[in-house]
PDB file of N, CA and C in Angstrom:
ATOM      1  N   MET A   1     198.242 177.545   2.374  1.00  0.00           N
ATOM      2  CA  MET A   1     196.841 177.055   2.750  1.00  0.00           C
ATOM      3  C   MET A   1     196.123 178.286   3.543  1.00  0.00           C
ATOM      4  N   GLY A   2     196.743 178.658   4.567  1.00  0.00           N
ATOM      5  CA  GLY A   2     196.463 179.849   5.256  1.00  0.00           C
ATOM      6  C   GLY A   2     195.613 180.978   5.107  1.00  0.00           C
ATOM      7  N   ASN A   3     196.310 181.351   3.834  1.00  0.00           N
ATOM      8  CA  ASN A   3     195.743 182.332   3.145  1.00  0.00           C
ATOM      9  C   ASN A   3     194.171 182.355   2.824  1.00  0.00           C
ATOM     10  N   ILE A   4     193.998 181.037   2.502  1.00  0.00           N
ATOM     11  CA  ILE A   4     192.729 180.584   1.649  1.00  0.00           C
ATOM     12  C   ILE A   4     192.001 181.051   2.484  1.00  0.00           C
ATOM     13  N   LEU A   5     192.360 179.990   3.955  1.00  0.00           N
ATOM     14  CA  LEU A   5     191.655 180.259   5.149  1.00  0.00           C
ATOM     15  C   LEU A   5     191.132 181.521   5.609  1.00  0.00           C
ATOM     16  N   TYR A   6     191.982 182.321   5.434  1.00  0.00           N
ATOM     17  CA  TYR A   6     191.551 183.615   6.056  1.00  0.00           C
ATOM     18  C   TYR A   6     190.774 184.565   4.846  1.00  0.00           C
ATOM     19  N   ILE A   7     191.096 184.203   3.483  1.00  0.00           N
ATOM     20  CA  ILE A   7     190.276 184.790   2.824  1.00  0.00           C
ATOM     21  C   ILE A   7     188.677 184.219   2.482  1.00  0.00           C
ATOM     22  N   ILE A   8     188.728 183.198   2.673  1.00  0.00           N
ATOM     23  CA  ILE A   8     187.205 182.465   3.161  1.00  0.00           C
ATOM     24  C   ILE A   8     186.450 183.102   4.196  1.00  0.00           C
ATOM     25  N   ALA A   9     187.336 183.464   5.318  1.00  0.00           N
ATOM     26  CA  ALA A   9     186.676 183.813   6.506  1.00  0.00           C
ATOM     27  C   ALA A   9     186.282 185.156   6.445  1.00  0.00           C
ATOM     28  N   VAL A  10     186.977 185.735   5.535  1.00  0.00           N
ATOM     29  CA  VAL A  10     186.560 187.235   5.505  1.00  0.00           C
ATOM     30  C   VAL A  10     185.263 187.194   4.435  1.00  0.00           C
ATOM     31  N   ILE A  11     185.192 186.259   3.387  1.00  0.00           N
ATOM     32  CA  ILE A  11     184.092 186.607   2.481  1.00  0.00           C
ATOM     33  C   ILE A  11     182.765 186.107   3.281  1.00  0.00           C
ATOM     34  N   LEU A  12     183.145 185.085   4.114  1.00  0.00           N
ATOM     35  CA  LEU A  12     181.874 184.358   4.853  1.00  0.00           C
ATOM     36  C   LEU A  12     181.501 185.855   5.881  1.00  0.00           C
ATOM     37  N   VAL A  13     182.541 186.560   6.740  1.00  0.00           N
ATOM     38  CA  VAL A  13     181.946 187.339   7.840  1.00  0.00           C
ATOM     39  C   VAL A  13     180.847 188.546   6.609  1.00  0.00           C
ATOM     40  N   ILE A  14     181.666 188.936   5.388  1.00  0.00           N
ATOM     41  CA  ILE A  14     181.016 189.894   4.633  1.00  0.00           C
ATOM     42  C   ILE A  14     179.680 189.241   4.258  1.00  0.00           C
ATOM     43  N   PHE A  15     179.630 187.914   3.986  1.00  0.00           N
ATOM     44  CA  PHE A  15     178.092 187.354   3.357  1.00  0.00           C
ATOM     45  C   PHE A  15     177.422 187.495   4.731  1.00  0.00           C
ATOM     46  N   TRP A  16     177.780 187.027   5.952  1.00  0.00           N
ATOM     47  CA  TRP A  16     176.969 187.205   7.166  1.00  0.00           C
ATOM     48  C   TRP A  16     176.490 188.449   7.277  1.00  0.00           C
ATOM     49  N   ALA A  17     177.392 189.504   7.270  1.00  0.00           N
ATOM     50  CA  ALA A  17     176.777 190.795   7.317  1.00  0.00           C
ATOM     51  C   ALA A  17     175.444 191.316   6.317  1.00  0.00           C
ATOM     52  N   VAL A  18     175.953 190.819   5.426  1.00  0.00           N
ATOM     53  CA  VAL A  18     174.895 191.111   4.469  1.00  0.00           C
ATOM     54  C   VAL A  18     173.467 190.591   4.733  1.00  0.00           C
ATOM     55  N   GLY A  19     173.747 189.477   5.038  1.00  0.00           N
ATOM     56  CA  GLY A  19     172.425 188.600   5.349  1.00  0.00           C
ATOM     57  C   GLY A  19     171.749 189.020   6.525  1.00  0.00           C
ATOM     58  N   PHE A  20     172.331 189.313   7.829  1.00  0.00           N
ATOM     59  CA  PHE A  20     171.908 189.737   8.845  1.00  0.00           C
ATOM     60  C   PHE A  20     171.045 191.197   8.230  1.00  0.00           C
ATOM     61  N   PHE A  21     171.736 192.091   7.578  1.00  0.00           N
ATOM     62  CA  PHE A  21     170.780 193.167   7.569  1.00  0.00           C
ATOM     63  C   PHE A  21     169.774 192.831   6.558  1.00  0.00           C
ATOM     64  N   ALA A  22     169.762 191.938   5.592  1.00  0.00           N
ATOM     65  CA  ALA A  22     168.638 191.689   4.846  1.00  0.00           C
ATOM     66  C   ALA A  22     167.796 190.837   5.291  1.00  0.00           C
ATOM     67  N   TYR A  23     167.913 190.132   6.233  1.00  0.00           N
ATOM     68  CA  TYR A  23     166.985 189.090   6.725  1.00  0.00           C
ATOM     69  C   TYR A  23     166.799 187.843   5.769  1.00  0.00           C
ATOM     70  N   THR A  24     167.297 187.561   4.722  1.00  0.00           N
ATOM     71  CA  THR A  24     166.774 186.999   3.758  1.00  0.00           C
ATOM     72  C   THR A  24     167.055 185.465   3.605  1.00  0.00           C
ATOM     73  N   ALA A  25     168.007 185.322   4.335  1.00  0.00           N
ATOM     74  CA  ALA A  25     168.876 183.939   4.730  1.00  0.00           C
ATOM     75  C   ALA A  25     168.869 182.849   5.980  1.00  0.00           C
ATOM     76  N   GLY A  26     168.056 183.556   6.586  1.00  0.00           N
ATOM     77  CA  GLY A  26     167.901 182.977   7.714  1.00  0.00           C
ATOM     78  C   GLY A  26     168.873 182.607   8.581  1.00  0.00           C
ATOM     79  N   GLY A  27     168.916 181.329   9.198  1.00  0.00           N
ATOM     80  CA  GLY A  27     169.690 181.002  10.210  1.00  0.00           C
ATOM     81  C   GLY A  27     171.038 180.489   9.132  1.00  0.00           C
ATOM     82  N   ILE A  28     170.973 180.370   8.103  1.00  0.00           N
ATOM     83  CA  ILE A  28     172.373 179.822   7.559  1.00  0.00           C
ATOM     84  C   ILE A  28     173.429 180.995   7.690  1.00  0.00           C
ATOM     85  N   ILE A  29     173.112 182.032   7.426  1.00  0.00           N
ATOM     86  CA  ILE A  29     174.168 183.055   7.864  1.00  0.00           C
ATOM     87  C   ILE A  29     174.793 182.979   8.916  1.00  0.00           C
ATOM     88  N   HIS A  30     173.979 182.696  10.226  1.00  0.00           N
ATOM     89  CA  HIS A  30     174.869 182.431  11.609  1.00  0.00           C
ATOM     90  C   HIS A  30     175.774 181.160  11.368  1.00  0.00           C
ATOM     91  N   VAL A  31     175.453 180.444  10.790  1.00  0.00           N
ATOM     92  CA  VAL A  31     176.393 179.264  10.393  1.00  0.00           C
ATOM     93  C   VAL A  31     177.433 179.671   9.792  1.00  0.00           C
ATOM     94  N   LEU A  32     177.237 180.644   8.519  1.00  0.00           N
ATOM     95  CA  LEU A  32     178.477 180.840   7.728  1.00  0.00           C
ATOM     96  C   LEU A  32     179.476 182.064   9.073  1.00  0.00           C
ATOM     97  N   LEU A  33     178.828 182.704   9.736  1.00  0.00           N
ATOM     98  CA  LEU A  33     179.756 183.342  10.602  1.00  0.00           C
ATOM     99  C   LEU A  33     180.239 182.548  11.463  1.00  0.00           C
ATOM    100  N   VAL A  34     180.073 181.499  12.128  1.00  0.00           N
ATOM    101  CA  VAL A  34     180.606 180.654  12.907  1.00  0.00           C
ATOM    102  C   VAL A  34     181.773 180.065  12.364  1.00  0.00           C
ATOM    103  N   LEU A  35     181.574 179.407  10.945  1.00  0.00           N
ATOM    104  CA  LEU A  35     182.736 178.885  10.614  1.00  0.00           C
ATOM    105  C   LEU A  35     183.908 179.923  10.016  1.00  0.00           C
ATOM    106  N   ALA A  36     183.467 181.457   9.703  1.00  0.00           N
ATOM    107  CA  ALA A  36     184.394 182.352   9.399  1.00  0.00           C
ATOM    108  C   ALA A  36     185.426 182.466  10.859  1.00  0.00           C
ATOM    109  N   ILE A  37     184.375 182.512  11.959  1.00  0.00           N
ATOM    110  CA  ILE A  37     185.170 182.388  12.942  1.00  0.00           C
ATOM    111  C   ILE A  37     186.012 181.573  13.693  1.00  0.00           C
ATOM    112  N   ILE A  38     185.867 180.383  13.180  1.00  0.00           N
ATOM    113  CA  ILE A  38     186.607 179.053  13.434  1.00  0.00           C
ATOM    114  C   ILE A  38     188.091 179.091  12.676  1.00  0.00           C
ATOM    115  N   ALA A  39     187.504 179.812  11.498  1.00  0.00           N
ATOM    116  CA  ALA A  39     188.833 179.684  10.308  1.00  0.00           C
ATOM    117  C   ALA A  39     189.434 180.571  10.967  1.00  0.00           C
ATOM    118  N   ILE A  40     189.391 182.004  11.334  1.00  0.00           N
ATOM    119  CA  ILE A  40     189.922 182.909  11.505  1.00  0.00           C
ATOM    120  C   ILE A  40     190.842 182.803  13.144  1.00  0.00           C
ATOM    121  N   LEU A  41     190.364 181.709  14.093  1.00  0.00           N
ATOM    122  CA  LEU A  41     190.701 181.531  15.295  1.00  0.00           C
ATOM    123  C   LEU A  41     192.077 180.192  14.654  1.00  0.00           C
ATOM    124  N   ILE A  42     191.432 179.562  13.893  1.00  0.00           N
ATOM    125  CA  ILE A  42     192.733 178.496  13.217  1.00  0.00           C
ATOM    126  C   ILE A  42     193.936 179.323  12.620  1.00  0.00           C
ATOM    127  N   ARG A  43     193.758 180.387  11.916  1.00  0.00           N
ATOM    128  CA  ARG A  43     194.696 181.412  11.531  1.00  0.00           C
ATOM    129  C   ARG A  43     195.355 181.931  12.361  1.00  0.00           C
ATOM    130  N   VAL A  44     194.841 182.202  13.581  1.00  0.00           N
ATOM    131  CA  VAL A  44     195.455 182.987  14.986  1.00  0.00           C
ATOM    132  C   VAL A  44     196.398 182.124  15.143  1.00  0.00           C
ATOM    133  N   ILE A  45     195.797 180.626  15.835  1.00  0.00           N
ATOM    134  CA  ILE A  45     196.239 179.914  16.859  1.00  0.00           C
ATOM    135  C   ILE A  45     197.423 179.223  15.709  1.00  0.00           C
ATOM    136  N   GLN A  46     197.629 178.978  14.761  1.00  0.00           N
ATOM    137  CA  GLN A  46     198.886 178.472  13.759  1.00  0.00           C
ATOM    138  C   GLN A  46     199.513 179.686  13.947  1.00  0.00           C
ATOM    139  N   GLY A  47     199.171 180.830  13.552  1.00  0.00           N
ATOM    140  CA  GLY A  47     200.308 182.110  13.328  1.00  0.00           C
ATOM    141  C   GLY A  47     201.011 181.655  11.961  1.00  0.00           C
ATOM    142  N   ASP A  48     201.653 183.324  11.633  1.00  0.00           N
ATOM    143  CA  ASP A  48     202.294 182.982  10.184  1.00  0.00           C
ATOM    144  C   ASP A  48     203.404 181.708  10.102  1.00  0.00           C
ATOM    145  N   LYS A  49     203.321 180.833   9.420  1.00  0.00           N
ATOM    146  CA  LYS A  49     204.477 180.102   9.523  1.00  0.00           C
ATOM    147  C   LYS A  49     205.099 180.139   7.969  1.00  0.00           C
ATOM    148  N   VAL A  50     206.421 180.575   7.711  1.00  0.00           N
ATOM    149  CA  VAL A  50     207.065 180.575   6.317  1.00  0.00           C
ATOM    150  C   VAL A  50     207.392 179.180   6.102  1.00  0.00           C
ATOM    151  N   VAL A  51     206.902 179.083   4.738  1.00  0.00           N
ATOM    152  CA  VAL A  51     207.435 177.532   4.530  1.00  0.00           C
ATOM    153  C   VAL A  51     208.521 177.520   3.157  1.00  0.00           C
TER     154      VAL A  51
END
């Protein structure tokens, strides 16, 4: 589950960067950035748990 969150966070950051430079998606890009940061923070807080 943690790997999926990390991958989603990276994808969202990439989308934010593309949207930020393209100015096409408006405010939704910043929402995606916030979601990506939250996902990264959750990953960092939980740490690497070996299952």
